[in-house]
Protein backbone atom coordinates (compact mmCIF):
# COMPACT_ATOMS: atom_id res chain seq x y z
CA MET A 1 0.00 0.00 0.00
CA THR A 2 1.40 3.41 -0.97
CA ARG A 3 1.47 6.35 1.43
CA ALA A 4 -1.26 8.16 -0.53
CA SER A 5 -3.58 5.14 -0.57
CA PHE A 6 -3.04 4.53 3.16
CA LEU A 7 -3.95 8.13 3.99
CA GLN A 8 -7.21 7.64 2.07
CA SER A 9 -8.04 4.31 3.74
CA LYS A 10 -10.61 3.85 6.53
CA PRO A 11 -8.06 2.95 9.24
CA ALA A 12 -6.00 6.13 8.64
CA PRO A 13 -8.20 8.60 10.58
CA VAL A 14 -8.65 6.05 13.38
CA LEU A 15 -4.88 5.61 13.71
CA ALA A 16 -4.37 9.40 13.56
CA VAL A 17 -6.79 9.90 16.46
CA VAL A 18 -5.23 7.02 18.46
CA LEU A 19 -1.80 8.67 18.11
CA GLY A 20 -3.27 12.08 18.86
CA ILE A 21 -4.84 10.81 22.09
CA ALA A 22 -1.54 9.18 23.11
CA LEU A 23 0.31 12.48 22.59
CA PHE A 24 -2.35 14.40 24.51
CA SER A 25 -1.96 11.96 27.41
CA GLY A 26 1.76 12.67 27.40
CA MET A 27 0.92 16.38 27.47
CA ASP A 28 -1.37 15.81 30.48
CA ALA A 29 1.51 14.22 32.40
CA ALA A 30 3.97 16.95 31.43
CA ILE A 31 1.61 19.80 32.35
CA LYS A 32 0.57 18.11 35.61
CA GLY A 33 4.23 18.01 36.59
CA ALA A 34 4.67 21.66 35.61
CA ALA A 35 1.45 22.71 37.36
CA LEU A 36 2.58 21.12 40.60
CA MET A 37 5.66 23.39 40.40
CA ALA A 38 4.30 26.61 38.89
CA GLY A 39 0.51 26.42 39.25
CA VAL A 40 -2.17 25.45 36.74
CA TYR A 41 -2.67 28.95 35.33
CA SER A 42 0.97 29.75 34.54
CA ALA A 43 1.59 26.28 33.11
CA LEU A 44 -1.34 26.57 30.69
CA LEU A 45 -0.63 30.22 29.78
CA ILE A 46 2.98 29.50 28.80
CA ARG A 47 2.08 26.18 27.16
CA ASN A 48 -0.27 27.92 24.73
CA LEU A 49 2.19 30.76 24.10
CA ILE A 50 4.85 28.21 23.14
CA GLY A 51 2.24 26.39 21.04
CA VAL A 52 1.59 29.60 19.08
CA ALA A 53 5.33 30.10 18.54
CA MET A 54 5.67 26.53 17.27
CA ILE A 55 2.76 26.56 14.84
CA VAL A 56 2.98 30.12 13.37
CA PRO A 57 6.07 29.39 11.19
CA ILE A 58 4.41 26.24 9.82
CA TRP A 59 1.22 28.20 9.05
CA LEU A 60 3.20 31.02 7.37
CA ALA A 61 5.22 28.55 5.27
CA GLY A 62 2.16 26.75 3.89
CA PRO A 63 -0.75 27.73 1.63
CA ARG A 64 -2.29 29.84 4.37
CA ARG A 65 -5.58 31.73 4.20
CA TRP A 66 -7.40 33.83 6.75
CA PRO A 67 -10.64 32.10 7.82
CA SER A 68 -14.01 33.54 6.84
CA PRO A 69 -16.00 35.35 9.57
CA ALA A 70 -18.21 32.28 10.11
CA VAL A 71 -15.22 29.95 10.49
CA LEU A 72 -13.42 32.46 12.71
CA ARG A 73 -16.46 32.58 15.02
CA LEU A 74 -16.37 28.77 15.19
CA HIS A 75 -12.65 28.88 16.06
CA ILE A 76 -13.36 31.34 18.87
CA LEU A 77 -16.37 29.39 20.18
CA ARG A 78 -14.54 26.05 20.25
CA SER A 79 -11.34 27.51 21.69
CA SER A 80 -13.25 29.39 24.40
CA ALA A 81 -14.92 26.17 25.51
CA ASN A 82 -11.53 24.47 25.32
CA ALA A 83 -9.87 27.12 27.49
CA ALA A 84 -12.38 26.65 30.31
CA MET A 85 -12.23 22.87 29.87
CA MET A 86 -8.42 22.82 30.13
CA VAL A 87 -8.29 24.93 33.28
CA LEU A 88 -10.95 22.82 35.00
CA PHE A 89 -9.31 19.55 33.91
CA PHE A 90 -5.89 20.45 35.29
CA VAL A 91 -7.41 21.83 38.49
CA GLY A 92 -8.85 18.31 38.77
CA ILE A 93 -5.81 16.19 37.97
CA VAL A 94 -3.44 18.04 40.30
CA ARG A 95 -5.80 16.76 43.03
CA LEU A 96 -6.48 13.27 41.63
CA PRO A 97 -4.34 10.60 39.93
CA ILE A 98 -4.17 11.18 36.18
CA ALA A 99 -5.81 7.84 35.35
CA GLU A 100 -8.74 8.45 37.66
CA GLY A 101 -9.20 11.99 36.38
CA ILE A 102 -9.24 10.71 32.81
CA ALA A 103 -11.67 7.94 33.81
CA ILE A 104 -14.17 10.38 35.29
CA SER A 105 -13.89 12.62 32.22
CA PHE A 106 -15.10 9.74 30.02
CA ILE A 107 -18.67 10.90 30.47
CA ALA A 108 -17.72 13.40 27.72
CA PRO A 109 -17.73 10.98 24.74
CA LEU A 110 -21.16 9.67 25.74
CA ILE A 111 -22.53 13.21 25.85
CA ALA A 112 -20.78 13.99 22.55
CA LEU A 113 -22.47 11.13 20.70
CA TYR A 114 -25.86 12.65 21.32
CA LEU A 115 -24.70 16.22 20.76
CA ALA A 116 -23.43 15.07 17.36
CA ALA A 117 -26.91 13.86 16.49
CA VAL A 118 -28.42 17.22 17.46
CA MET A 119 -25.71 19.57 16.13
CA LEU A 120 -24.34 17.65 13.12
CA GLY A 121 -27.30 15.48 12.10
CA GLU A 122 -25.35 12.24 12.46
CA THR A 123 -27.37 9.04 12.86
CA ILE A 124 -26.34 7.23 16.03
CA ARG A 125 -25.82 3.53 15.35
CA ARG A 126 -26.65 0.95 17.98
CA GLN A 127 -23.05 -0.25 18.19
CA ALA A 128 -21.89 3.30 19.02
CA VAL A 129 -24.34 3.46 21.93
CA ILE A 130 -23.24 0.02 23.18
CA ALA A 131 -19.60 1.08 22.92
CA SER A 132 -20.22 4.19 24.99
CA LEU A 133 -22.19 2.30 27.63
CA LEU A 134 -19.36 -0.22 27.99
CA GLY A 135 -16.91 2.64 28.37
CA ILE A 136 -19.07 4.27 31.02
CA ALA A 137 -19.39 0.92 32.83
CA GLY A 138 -15.61 0.67 32.91
CA VAL A 139 -15.37 4.17 34.34
CA GLY A 140 -18.02 3.26 36.92
CA VAL A 141 -15.96 0.31 38.17
CA ILE A 142 -12.93 2.54 38.67
CA VAL A 143 -14.78 5.41 40.33
CA ALA A 144 -16.69 3.04 42.65
CA ASP A 145 -13.39 1.54 43.81
CA ARG A 146 -11.93 5.00 44.40
CA PHE A 147 -14.84 6.48 46.37
CA GLY A 148 -16.63 3.40 47.72
CA THR A 149 -14.38 2.93 50.77
CA GLY A 150 -14.98 6.25 52.54
CA THR A 151 -15.87 9.95 52.31
CA PRO A 152 -13.65 11.86 49.86
CA ASP A 153 -11.60 14.75 51.30
CA HIS A 154 -12.04 18.39 50.31
CA ASP A 155 -9.38 18.35 47.57
CA THR A 156 -10.82 15.17 46.07
CA LEU A 157 -14.30 16.71 45.91
CA ILE A 158 -12.93 19.84 44.22
CA GLY A 159 -11.03 17.67 41.75
CA LEU A 160 -14.08 15.57 41.01
CA ALA A 161 -16.34 18.59 40.47
CA ALA A 162 -13.75 20.28 38.22
CA ILE A 163 -13.30 17.20 36.04
CA ILE A 164 -17.06 16.62 35.65
CA ALA A 165 -17.52 20.26 34.59
CA SER A 166 -14.59 19.97 32.18
CA ALA A 167 -16.11 16.79 30.71
CA VAL A 168 -19.29 18.64 29.74
CA LEU A 169 -17.22 21.31 27.98
CA TYR A 170 -15.07 18.61 26.35
CA ALA A 171 -18.19 16.98 24.90
CA ILE A 172 -19.07 20.28 23.24
CA ASN A 173 -15.46 20.54 22.04
CA LEU A 174 -15.58 17.08 20.45
CA VAL A 175 -18.63 17.95 18.38
CA LEU A 176 -17.34 21.40 17.39
CA GLN A 177 -14.02 19.72 16.49
CA ARG A 178 -15.79 17.58 13.89
CA LYS A 179 -17.69 20.59 12.51
CA LEU A 180 -14.58 22.78 12.37
CA ALA A 181 -12.41 20.02 10.87
CA LEU A 182 -14.71 20.00 7.83
CA LEU A 183 -14.11 23.74 7.29
CA ALA A 184 -10.47 24.29 8.26
CA GLY A 185 -7.20 22.41 7.87
CA PRO A 186 -5.32 20.89 10.82
CA ILE A 187 -2.63 23.61 10.86
CA GLU A 188 -5.25 26.36 10.96
CA VAL A 189 -7.21 24.59 13.72
CA THR A 190 -4.05 24.14 15.79
CA LEU A 191 -2.94 27.75 15.32
CA PHE A 192 -6.23 29.36 16.26
CA GLN A 193 -6.82 27.08 19.24
CA ASN A 194 -3.45 27.97 20.76
CA LEU A 195 -3.86 31.64 19.86
CA VAL A 196 -7.40 32.11 21.21
CA ILE A 197 -6.73 30.17 24.42
CA PHE A 198 -3.54 32.16 25.06
CA ALA A 199 -5.37 35.45 24.45
CA LEU A 200 -8.16 34.51 26.87
CA LEU A 201 -5.78 33.31 29.59
CA ALA A 202 -3.52 36.37 29.15
CA LEU A 203 -6.34 38.64 30.35
CA ALA A 204 -5.61 37.47 33.91
CA ALA A 205 -1.80 37.47 33.57
CA PRO A 206 -1.17 40.68 35.60
CA TRP A 207 -2.73 39.03 38.64
CA LEU A 208 -2.07 35.29 38.27
CA ALA A 209 1.06 34.69 36.17
CA ILE A 210 4.32 33.64 37.81
CA LEU A 211 7.69 32.90 36.24
CA PRO A 212 8.24 29.11 36.28
CA SER A 213 11.51 27.45 37.20
CA LEU A 214 13.69 25.96 34.45
CA PRO A 215 12.50 22.36 35.13
CA ALA A 216 8.87 23.52 35.01
CA LEU A 217 9.55 25.46 31.80
CA GLY A 218 11.08 22.34 30.25
CA LEU A 219 7.96 20.33 31.06
CA ILE A 220 5.73 23.12 29.71
CA THR A 221 7.71 23.18 26.44
CA LEU A 222 7.40 19.40 26.12
CA GLY A 223 3.67 19.66 26.80
CA ALA A 224 3.29 22.35 24.14
CA ALA A 225 5.08 20.23 21.52
CA LEU A 226 2.97 17.17 22.34
CA ALA A 227 -0.28 19.17 22.35
CA THR A 228 0.50 20.91 19.04
CA SER A 229 1.20 17.58 17.33
CA ALA A 230 -1.89 15.99 18.88
CA LEU A 231 -4.18 18.83 17.77
CA ALA A 232 -3.04 18.50 14.16
CA LEU A 233 -3.58 14.71 14.19
CA LEU A 234 -7.04 15.00 15.75
CA ALA A 235 -8.12 17.72 13.31
CA TRP A 236 -6.94 15.56 10.39
CA GLY A 237 -8.72 12.47 11.71
CA TYR A 238 -12.01 14.18 12.56
CA ALA A 239 -12.18 15.65 9.07
CA ARG A 240 -12.20 12.14 7.59
CA ALA A 241 -14.45 10.04 9.85
CA GLU A 242 -17.70 10.45 11.76
CA THR A 243 -17.67 11.61 15.37
CA GLN A 244 -19.35 8.39 16.58
CA VAL A 245 -16.57 6.28 15.02
CA LEU A 246 -13.78 8.33 16.58
CA VAL A 247 -15.28 9.29 19.95
CA PRO A 248 -14.89 5.80 21.52
CA ILE A 249 -11.16 6.05 20.80
CA GLU A 250 -11.05 8.78 23.46
CA TYR A 251 -11.22 5.91 25.97
CA THR A 252 -7.70 4.79 25.04
CA ALA A 253 -6.47 7.89 26.90
CA PHE A 254 -7.05 5.93 30.09
CA LEU A 255 -4.44 3.32 29.12
CA TRP A 256 -1.83 6.00 28.52
CA ALA A 257 -2.83 7.94 31.65
CA ALA A 258 -2.52 4.82 33.83
CA LEU A 259 0.94 4.09 32.43
CA LEU A 260 2.24 7.66 32.69
CA GLY A 261 0.75 8.20 36.15
CA TRP A 262 2.44 5.04 37.38
CA VAL A 263 5.82 5.82 35.79
CA PHE A 264 6.11 9.54 36.64
CA PHE A 265 3.89 10.08 39.70
CA ASP A 266 3.98 6.65 41.37
CA GLU A 267 0.18 6.38 41.02
CA PRO A 268 -0.73 2.69 41.38
CA VAL A 269 -3.05 0.79 39.05
CA GLY A 270 -5.23 -1.68 40.96
CA ALA A 271 -7.47 -4.59 39.97
CA ALA A 272 -10.53 -2.36 39.60
CA THR A 273 -8.56 -0.08 37.27
CA LEU A 274 -7.58 -3.05 35.11
CA ALA A 275 -11.18 -4.38 35.04
CA GLY A 276 -12.48 -0.99 34.02
CA THR A 277 -9.82 -0.72 31.35
CA LEU A 278 -10.91 -4.02 29.81
CA LEU A 279 -14.48 -2.75 29.51
CA ILE A 280 -13.23 0.49 27.98
CA VAL A 281 -11.08 -1.31 25.40
CA LEU A 282 -14.00 -3.59 24.50
CA GLY A 283 -16.14 -0.53 23.97
CA CYS A 284 -13.50 0.99 21.71
CA TRP A 285 -13.36 -2.18 19.62
CA ILE A 286 -17.13 -2.33 19.17
CA GLY A 287 -17.44 1.38 18.46
CA THR A 288 -14.76 1.50 15.79
CA ARG A 289 -15.72 -1.71 14.02
CA ASP A 290 -17.01 -1.17 10.50
CA PRO A 291 -20.74 -2.11 10.57
CA GLU A 292 -20.79 -2.98 6.86
CA ARG A 293 -17.87 -5.36 7.30
CA ALA A 294 -19.50 -6.88 10.37
CA ARG A 295 -22.71 -7.61 8.43
CA THR A 296 -20.67 -9.13 5.60
CA GLU A 297 -18.87 -11.42 8.05
CA GLN A 298 -22.14 -12.52 9.64
CA THR A 299 -23.65 -13.25 6.22
CA ALA A 300 -20.58 -15.28 5.25
CA VAL A 301 -20.84 -17.32 8.44
């Protein structure tokens, strides 16, 4: 298979989103480490500034065009939701293990499936619903194990509330991502997301910004590079496949979060976490399976 034919194949957008989610999980770990040193606000402010600096030369070197007013409004709407979502998410995961924070946030893809039906007119297939329910069941196993043994402390409750709120905003982001990906290229999407989020966060810089240490700045730079690459991959993938096919892949973030949390933050992965992960992976497999191929296989049998 040639490179051109592979990029046009059905697995290509799925693989692009899988890689994008893996890179975003790496970004989560890097920014969590930086936020523990410099605070959530400063880590995100500088991360998006570096992201702008990384993507502007690529945008200027390519066949660039300024977006139409309608597309620009969509950039601003999606990026505004993303800015609030990011702040809430990192407020959550500096108080919770990364894997558990990611697990709780998995209510977002389920919400997004139904938002896609309302906002984009997509028809929700039964297998997509089953996939989401399996993913939610996996999350339920993990959350029940975390909170079923006693009353959560104050920080845990704040983290939980922040991640649930961020999940609702992320669901909106997922649907707008699909809509925007049909109107703008991945470089444009990446540029305007970093630019708008930085501009919004910079409004509070005189009161909240602090200068990070060199180790924190190194982690922020790594996070910016990972996030910029991930944004481009996700924009490319979402432009080439339906939201309901790609949304269940969001669940693979848990696998990466569990690994990175264990390696870098000594966050253990217990039996309940593994059981929940199996349900999540099963949901991903069902959700991304080609229904036409499945019917063909059943007929052949």
